[in-house]
């Protein structure tokens, strides 16, 4: 067990999991941490070293609970290539120490790449399904579209109504544009469209300053907006972030106006074409409903994403390191009760 050293990185030190892992998620990047810090959340970053080799990275974020309590979450992490018993034993011990220092009730782990339940259940507490659906937790299933084929080939594998909607948007005078700089100029329009979309589809947004901070801390040269307009009126905006070989559709919003002109389809298609220009292998549409009823209300969004073609990518189940059993049980009870009442 003494072969492992867990080191916390200071804000001035580089946090770059790409050194070890080719395909990381943007939730384990330095700029994602800055997004969270911009809303005054505590973010801590660590590397795990075995001998002279870095074998794992993780970035954890502190979230508040009722009555002054809190929990820590590692979104799509830890990133690790070591699955030995010694590694997990060291990790659990260190995680518990961090949680106690932050007076957290529990720490939620979200291992990436996927690790089997057979391994994780030996060391950690499997999270209750009723706690999965949260604005702060990453979805368990995402929808990926492969980009290695030509544009014609990608279009051919889409649902026929999706191809029709893209062409219809162009015939109905919808124009598209890619914005790769001066993002702040588009923020108010973007947030207005996001807000309208949330109200239309019955989901909640983070506070406005969360999205403002994202716009101020987008990775240079690795982010763009895909915009669809009718005349001078912006009808849809999608925010895309490149991480490794994956273009990630992070947020999007659309207007209630001119929906019969299909602007959302053209905005997505233009974003996909731009991702190919970046040399990406995949376009990640983000979370979908997946199996079961964990993500009720995502059916329409899921159907929209699937119409573009692609396949589901599944993530590990959530596992927790529990520090305070009483408050952990109370947290689970409240989450399950809330789900039953829906």
Protein backbone atom coordinates (compact mmCIF):
# COMPACT_ATOMS: atom_id res chain seq x y z
CA UNK A 1 0.00 0.00 0.00
CA UNK A 2 2.95 2.30 0.52
CA UNK A 3 3.73 2.18 -3.22
CA UNK A 4 0.98 4.74 -3.83
CA UNK A 5 1.30 8.47 -3.28
CA UNK A 6 -1.73 10.75 -3.59
CA UNK A 7 -0.80 14.36 -4.25
CA UNK A 8 -3.12 17.38 -4.24
CA UNK A 9 -2.38 19.93 -6.95
CA UNK A 10 -2.44 23.63 -6.21
CA UNK A 11 -4.41 26.00 -8.44
CA UNK A 12 -1.17 27.14 -10.06
CA UNK A 13 -0.21 23.58 -11.04
CA UNK A 14 -1.34 22.01 -14.30
CA UNK A 15 -4.18 19.51 -14.10
CA UNK A 16 -3.92 17.63 -17.39
CA UNK A 17 -5.25 14.04 -17.42
CA UNK A 18 -4.63 13.91 -21.18
CA UNK A 19 -1.00 13.16 -20.32
CA UNK A 20 -2.10 9.68 -19.22
CA UNK A 21 -5.50 9.19 -20.87
CA UNK A 22 -6.37 9.77 -24.53
CA UNK A 23 -10.14 10.03 -24.16
CA UNK A 24 -11.06 12.03 -21.08
CA UNK A 25 -14.36 13.76 -20.47
CA UNK A 26 -14.39 17.55 -20.21
CA UNK A 27 -15.68 17.24 -16.63
CA UNK A 28 -12.16 16.21 -15.63
CA UNK A 29 -10.42 19.19 -17.22
CA UNK A 30 -8.94 22.30 -15.71
CA UNK A 31 -11.49 24.62 -17.33
CA UNK A 32 -14.43 22.62 -15.96
CA UNK A 33 -13.00 23.13 -12.50
CA UNK A 34 -12.81 26.87 -13.16
CA UNK A 35 -16.49 26.87 -14.15
CA UNK A 36 -17.33 25.45 -10.76
CA UNK A 37 -14.99 27.77 -8.87
CA UNK A 38 -16.67 30.70 -10.61
CA UNK A 39 -19.85 29.87 -8.71
CA UNK A 40 -17.88 29.71 -5.44
CA UNK A 41 -17.85 25.92 -5.24
CA UNK A 42 -14.80 24.29 -3.70
CA UNK A 43 -12.79 22.30 -6.28
CA UNK A 44 -9.84 20.08 -5.39
CA UNK A 45 -7.57 18.21 -7.81
CA UNK A 46 -5.41 15.16 -7.18
CA UNK A 47 -3.03 12.77 -8.90
CA UNK A 48 -2.21 9.26 -7.73
CA UNK A 49 1.37 8.13 -8.30
CA UNK A 50 2.66 4.55 -8.16
CA UNK A 51 6.44 4.54 -8.01
CA UNK A 52 7.34 7.18 -10.60
CA UNK A 53 4.19 6.76 -12.71
CA UNK A 54 0.91 8.69 -12.55
CA UNK A 55 -1.87 6.08 -12.59
CA UNK A 56 -4.94 8.21 -11.80
CA UNK A 57 -6.37 11.73 -11.81
CA UNK A 58 -9.46 13.08 -10.13
CA UNK A 59 -11.11 16.44 -9.67
CA UNK A 60 -13.80 16.67 -7.02
CA UNK A 61 -16.40 19.34 -6.40
CA UNK A 62 -18.23 20.22 -3.19
CA UNK A 63 -22.02 20.65 -3.27
CA UNK A 64 -24.28 21.84 -0.43
CA UNK A 65 -27.01 19.83 1.27
CA UNK A 66 -29.69 20.92 3.72
CA UNK A 67 -28.82 21.97 7.27
CA UNK A 68 -25.27 22.98 6.40
CA UNK A 69 -24.26 19.51 5.23
CA UNK A 70 -22.48 18.76 1.94
CA UNK A 71 -21.24 16.01 -0.35
CA UNK A 72 -18.35 15.71 -2.81
CA UNK A 73 -18.67 14.48 -6.38
CA UNK A 74 -16.05 13.39 -8.94
CA UNK A 75 -17.80 13.82 -12.32
CA UNK A 76 -16.80 10.99 -14.69
CA UNK A 77 -13.84 10.17 -12.47
CA UNK A 78 -11.51 9.10 -10.98
CA UNK A 79 -9.72 8.44 -14.25
CA UNK A 80 -7.60 5.40 -13.54
CA UNK A 81 -5.73 2.61 -15.30
CA UNK A 82 -4.94 0.73 -12.07
CA UNK A 83 -7.58 -1.74 -10.87
CA UNK A 84 -5.53 -3.45 -8.18
CA UNK A 85 -6.89 -4.02 -4.64
CA UNK A 86 -4.07 -1.85 -3.28
CA UNK A 87 -5.13 1.05 -5.50
CA UNK A 88 -8.76 0.96 -4.40
CA UNK A 89 -7.82 0.57 -0.74
CA UNK A 90 -5.55 3.62 -0.92
CA UNK A 91 -8.13 5.60 -2.86
CA UNK A 92 -10.92 4.87 -0.37
CA UNK A 93 -8.71 5.82 2.57
CA UNK A 94 -7.68 9.11 0.95
CA UNK A 95 -11.20 9.95 -0.23
CA UNK A 96 -12.55 9.45 3.28
CA UNK A 97 -9.83 11.71 4.68
CA UNK A 98 -10.70 14.44 2.15
CA UNK A 99 -14.41 14.12 2.93
CA UNK A 100 -13.80 14.51 6.66
CA UNK A 101 -11.69 17.61 6.05
CA UNK A 102 -14.60 19.12 4.10
CA UNK A 103 -17.18 17.83 6.63
CA UNK A 104 -18.95 16.01 3.81
CA UNK A 105 -21.56 13.29 4.35
CA UNK A 106 -20.31 11.19 1.43
CA UNK A 107 -18.24 11.26 -1.76
CA UNK A 108 -19.79 10.12 -5.03
CA UNK A 109 -17.44 8.26 -7.39
CA UNK A 110 -18.08 8.05 -11.13
CA UNK A 111 -15.22 5.91 -12.47
CA UNK A 112 -13.98 6.40 -16.01
CA UNK A 113 -13.21 4.32 -18.05
CA UNK A 114 -15.95 1.91 -16.97
CA UNK A 115 -15.12 -0.46 -14.11
CA UNK A 116 -17.33 -3.45 -13.36
CA UNK A 117 -19.66 -3.69 -10.37
CA UNK A 118 -17.89 -6.89 -9.35
CA UNK A 119 -14.75 -4.87 -8.61
CA UNK A 120 -16.23 -1.65 -7.24
CA UNK A 121 -18.70 -3.33 -4.89
CA UNK A 122 -15.78 -4.83 -2.95
CA UNK A 123 -14.60 -1.41 -1.81
CA UNK A 124 -17.44 1.13 -2.09
CA UNK A 125 -21.17 1.51 -1.40
CA UNK A 126 -23.35 1.22 -4.49
CA UNK A 127 -25.54 4.31 -4.76
CA UNK A 128 -29.33 4.04 -4.67
CA UNK A 129 -30.97 4.44 -8.11
CA UNK A 130 -33.33 7.08 -6.74
CA UNK A 131 -30.32 9.40 -6.19
CA UNK A 132 -29.06 9.22 -9.79
CA UNK A 133 -31.22 11.95 -11.33
CA UNK A 134 -29.76 15.31 -10.32
CA UNK A 135 -28.71 18.54 -12.03
CA UNK A 136 -25.23 17.99 -10.58
CA UNK A 137 -24.66 14.33 -11.49
CA UNK A 138 -23.59 13.28 -14.98
CA UNK A 139 -25.98 10.99 -16.91
CA UNK A 140 -25.33 7.22 -16.99
CA UNK A 141 -25.94 6.90 -20.75
CA UNK A 142 -24.84 9.24 -23.53
CA UNK A 143 -25.49 9.20 -27.27
CA UNK A 144 -22.43 9.19 -29.54
CA UNK A 145 -22.37 9.68 -33.32
CA UNK A 146 -19.33 8.38 -35.19
CA UNK A 147 -17.73 10.90 -37.55
CA UNK A 148 -15.33 8.76 -39.58
CA UNK A 149 -17.73 8.51 -42.54
CA UNK A 150 -18.25 11.28 -45.09
CA UNK A 151 -20.98 13.87 -44.58
CA UNK A 152 -23.03 12.00 -47.17
CA UNK A 153 -22.50 8.75 -45.29
CA UNK A 154 -23.54 10.28 -41.97
CA UNK A 155 -26.66 11.77 -43.52
CA UNK A 156 -27.55 8.42 -45.11
CA UNK A 157 -27.62 6.71 -41.69
CA UNK A 158 -29.86 9.33 -40.08
CA UNK A 159 -33.59 8.86 -39.69
CA UNK A 160 -35.22 9.94 -42.95
CA UNK A 161 -37.29 12.60 -41.15
CA UNK A 162 -34.06 14.11 -39.76
CA UNK A 163 -32.55 14.45 -43.24
CA UNK A 164 -35.84 15.95 -44.39
CA UNK A 165 -35.88 18.44 -41.49
CA UNK A 166 -32.31 19.61 -42.22
CA UNK A 167 -33.16 20.22 -45.89
CA UNK A 168 -36.50 21.79 -44.97
CA UNK A 169 -34.74 24.31 -42.70
CA UNK A 170 -32.51 25.37 -45.58
CA UNK A 171 -35.47 25.62 -47.97
CA UNK A 172 -37.37 27.70 -45.43
CA UNK A 173 -34.55 30.28 -45.34
CA UNK A 174 -32.93 29.22 -42.09
CA UNK A 175 -29.25 30.16 -42.15
CA UNK A 176 -26.50 28.76 -39.94
CA UNK A 177 -23.27 30.15 -38.57
CA UNK A 178 -20.34 28.90 -36.51
CA UNK A 179 -19.00 31.27 -33.83
CA UNK A 180 -15.54 30.46 -32.46
CA UNK A 181 -14.68 33.70 -30.62
CA UNK A 182 -16.26 36.67 -28.81
CA UNK A 183 -18.71 34.31 -27.13
CA UNK A 184 -19.84 36.94 -24.63
CA UNK A 185 -21.65 38.83 -27.39
CA UNK A 186 -24.07 35.94 -27.72
CA UNK A 187 -24.58 35.12 -24.07
CA UNK A 188 -27.83 37.00 -23.43
CA UNK A 189 -29.47 35.47 -26.50
CA UNK A 190 -28.12 32.04 -25.57
CA UNK A 191 -29.44 32.20 -22.01
CA UNK A 192 -32.80 33.51 -23.19
CA UNK A 193 -33.17 30.54 -25.53
CA UNK A 194 -32.02 28.14 -22.79
CA UNK A 195 -34.55 29.60 -20.37
CA UNK A 196 -37.35 29.27 -22.92
CA UNK A 197 -36.39 25.69 -23.68
CA UNK A 198 -36.34 24.79 -19.98
CA UNK A 199 -39.82 26.23 -19.44
CA UNK A 200 -41.17 24.52 -22.55
CA UNK A 201 -39.80 21.10 -21.60
CA UNK A 202 -40.25 21.30 -17.84
CA UNK A 203 -36.67 21.11 -16.57
CA UNK A 204 -34.63 23.41 -14.34
CA UNK A 205 -31.52 25.45 -15.15
CA UNK A 206 -28.55 26.38 -13.02
CA UNK A 207 -28.33 30.02 -11.99
CA UNK A 208 -27.50 32.48 -14.75
CA UNK A 209 -24.02 33.22 -13.40
CA UNK A 210 -23.08 29.55 -13.84
CA UNK A 211 -23.54 29.83 -17.61
CA UNK A 212 -21.90 33.26 -17.70
CA UNK A 213 -18.82 31.81 -16.05
CA UNK A 214 -18.73 29.01 -18.62
CA UNK A 215 -18.77 31.52 -21.48
CA UNK A 216 -15.86 33.36 -19.87
CA UNK A 217 -13.81 30.18 -19.42
CA UNK A 218 -14.32 28.25 -22.65
CA UNK A 219 -11.15 26.46 -23.81
CA UNK A 220 -9.43 28.58 -26.45
CA UNK A 221 -9.61 27.05 -29.90
CA UNK A 222 -11.68 24.12 -28.65
CA UNK A 223 -15.18 25.54 -28.38
CA UNK A 224 -17.77 26.94 -30.76
CA UNK A 225 -21.41 27.96 -31.02
CA UNK A 226 -23.63 26.63 -33.78
CA UNK A 227 -26.33 29.19 -34.51
CA UNK A 228 -29.47 28.94 -36.65
CA UNK A 229 -31.27 32.13 -37.69
CA UNK A 230 -34.26 33.31 -39.67
CA UNK A 231 -33.31 36.70 -41.02
CA UNK A 232 -31.70 38.50 -38.07
CA UNK A 233 -33.62 36.47 -35.50
CA UNK A 234 -31.57 33.81 -33.67
CA UNK A 235 -33.75 30.73 -33.24
CA UNK A 236 -31.31 28.13 -31.91
CA UNK A 237 -27.83 28.06 -30.34
CA UNK A 238 -25.79 24.99 -29.44
CA UNK A 239 -22.54 25.11 -27.41
CA UNK A 240 -19.94 22.53 -28.45
CA UNK A 241 -16.66 21.78 -26.66
CA UNK A 242 -13.86 19.66 -28.11
CA UNK A 243 -12.13 17.32 -25.68
CA UNK A 244 -9.63 14.94 -27.20
CA UNK A 245 -11.26 13.38 -30.25
CA UNK A 246 -14.82 14.03 -29.04
CA UNK A 247 -17.01 17.06 -29.81
CA UNK A 248 -19.39 17.47 -26.87
CA UNK A 249 -22.80 19.09 -27.23
CA UNK A 250 -22.89 20.70 -23.79
CA UNK A 251 -25.88 23.04 -23.83
CA UNK A 252 -28.45 24.22 -26.33
CA UNK A 253 -31.55 26.36 -26.52
CA UNK A 254 -34.21 27.14 -29.09
CA UNK A 255 -37.00 29.65 -29.59
CA UNK A 256 -40.73 28.99 -29.45
CA UNK A 257 -41.00 30.95 -32.69
CA UNK A 258 -40.67 29.55 -36.22
CA UNK A 259 -40.38 25.98 -35.01
CA UNK A 260 -41.98 24.73 -38.22
CA UNK A 261 -38.80 25.87 -40.01
CA UNK A 262 -36.77 23.23 -38.11
CA UNK A 263 -33.87 25.47 -36.97
CA UNK A 264 -32.72 23.02 -34.25
CA UNK A 265 -31.99 20.33 -36.84
CA UNK A 266 -29.86 22.64 -38.96
CA UNK A 267 -27.96 23.93 -35.90
CA UNK A 268 -27.09 20.37 -34.87
CA UNK A 269 -26.10 19.34 -38.39
CA UNK A 270 -23.81 22.34 -38.78
CA UNK A 271 -22.25 21.53 -35.38
CA UNK A 272 -21.61 17.95 -36.55
CA UNK A 273 -19.98 19.14 -39.79
CA UNK A 274 -17.75 21.51 -37.81
CA UNK A 275 -16.72 18.67 -35.48
CA UNK A 276 -15.51 16.72 -38.53
CA UNK A 277 -13.38 19.73 -39.52
CA UNK A 278 -11.75 19.57 -36.07
CA UNK A 279 -10.78 15.96 -36.81
CA UNK A 280 -13.05 14.52 -34.13
CA UNK A 281 -13.93 10.82 -34.17
CA UNK A 282 -17.21 11.30 -32.31
CA UNK A 283 -19.96 13.83 -31.70
CA UNK A 284 -21.38 13.40 -28.20
CA UNK A 285 -25.01 14.49 -27.96
CA UNK A 286 -24.87 14.08 -24.18
CA UNK A 287 -27.28 12.33 -21.85
CA UNK A 288 -30.24 10.22 -22.89
CA UNK A 289 -32.89 8.40 -20.88
CA UNK A 290 -31.21 4.98 -21.14
CA UNK A 291 -32.79 1.89 -19.59
CA UNK A 292 -35.33 1.96 -16.79
CA UNK A 293 -37.10 5.04 -15.41
CA UNK A 294 -34.19 6.83 -13.77
CA UNK A 295 -34.43 9.79 -16.14
CA UNK A 296 -38.16 10.36 -16.49
CA UNK A 297 -38.99 13.29 -18.75
CA UNK A 298 -36.02 12.77 -21.08
CA UNK A 299 -38.00 10.77 -23.66
CA UNK A 300 -38.48 13.61 -26.16
CA UNK A 301 -34.87 14.77 -25.88
CA UNK A 302 -33.65 11.19 -26.27
CA UNK A 303 -35.75 10.63 -29.40
CA UNK A 304 -34.41 13.85 -30.96
CA UNK A 305 -30.78 12.82 -30.42
CA UNK A 306 -31.25 9.27 -31.67
CA UNK A 307 -32.72 10.50 -34.96
CA UNK A 308 -29.24 11.67 -35.99
CA UNK A 309 -27.90 8.11 -35.85
CA UNK A 310 -25.25 6.76 -33.51
CA UNK A 311 -25.07 4.50 -30.48
CA UNK A 312 -25.41 4.54 -26.72
CA UNK A 313 -22.33 4.77 -24.49
CA UNK A 314 -22.85 3.52 -20.94
CA UNK A 315 -20.96 4.71 -17.85
CA UNK A 316 -20.20 2.98 -14.56
CA UNK A 317 -22.79 2.85 -11.83
CA UNK A 318 -22.38 5.42 -9.08
CA UNK A 319 -20.49 4.32 -5.96
CA UNK A 320 -20.14 6.24 -2.71
CA UNK A 321 -17.62 6.54 0.08
CA UNK A 322 -19.84 7.08 3.12
CA UNK A 323 -18.55 9.17 6.02
CA UNK A 324 -21.70 9.82 8.06
CA UNK A 325 -24.16 6.90 7.90
CA UNK A 326 -27.06 8.73 9.55
CA UNK A 327 -27.03 11.71 7.20
CA UNK A 328 -26.33 9.46 4.21
CA UNK A 329 -29.44 7.39 4.94
CA UNK A 330 -31.44 10.59 5.42
CA UNK A 331 -30.19 11.92 2.05
CA UNK A 332 -31.23 8.68 0.31
CA UNK A 333 -34.62 8.64 2.05
CA UNK A 334 -35.37 12.21 0.99
CA UNK A 335 -34.32 11.53 -2.63
CA UNK A 336 -36.45 8.39 -2.85
CA UNK A 337 -39.44 10.12 -1.26
CA UNK A 338 -39.15 12.96 -3.76
CA UNK A 339 -39.07 10.51 -6.65
CA UNK A 340 -42.17 8.66 -5.39
CA UNK A 341 -44.14 11.94 -5.19
CA UNK A 342 -43.48 12.80 -8.85
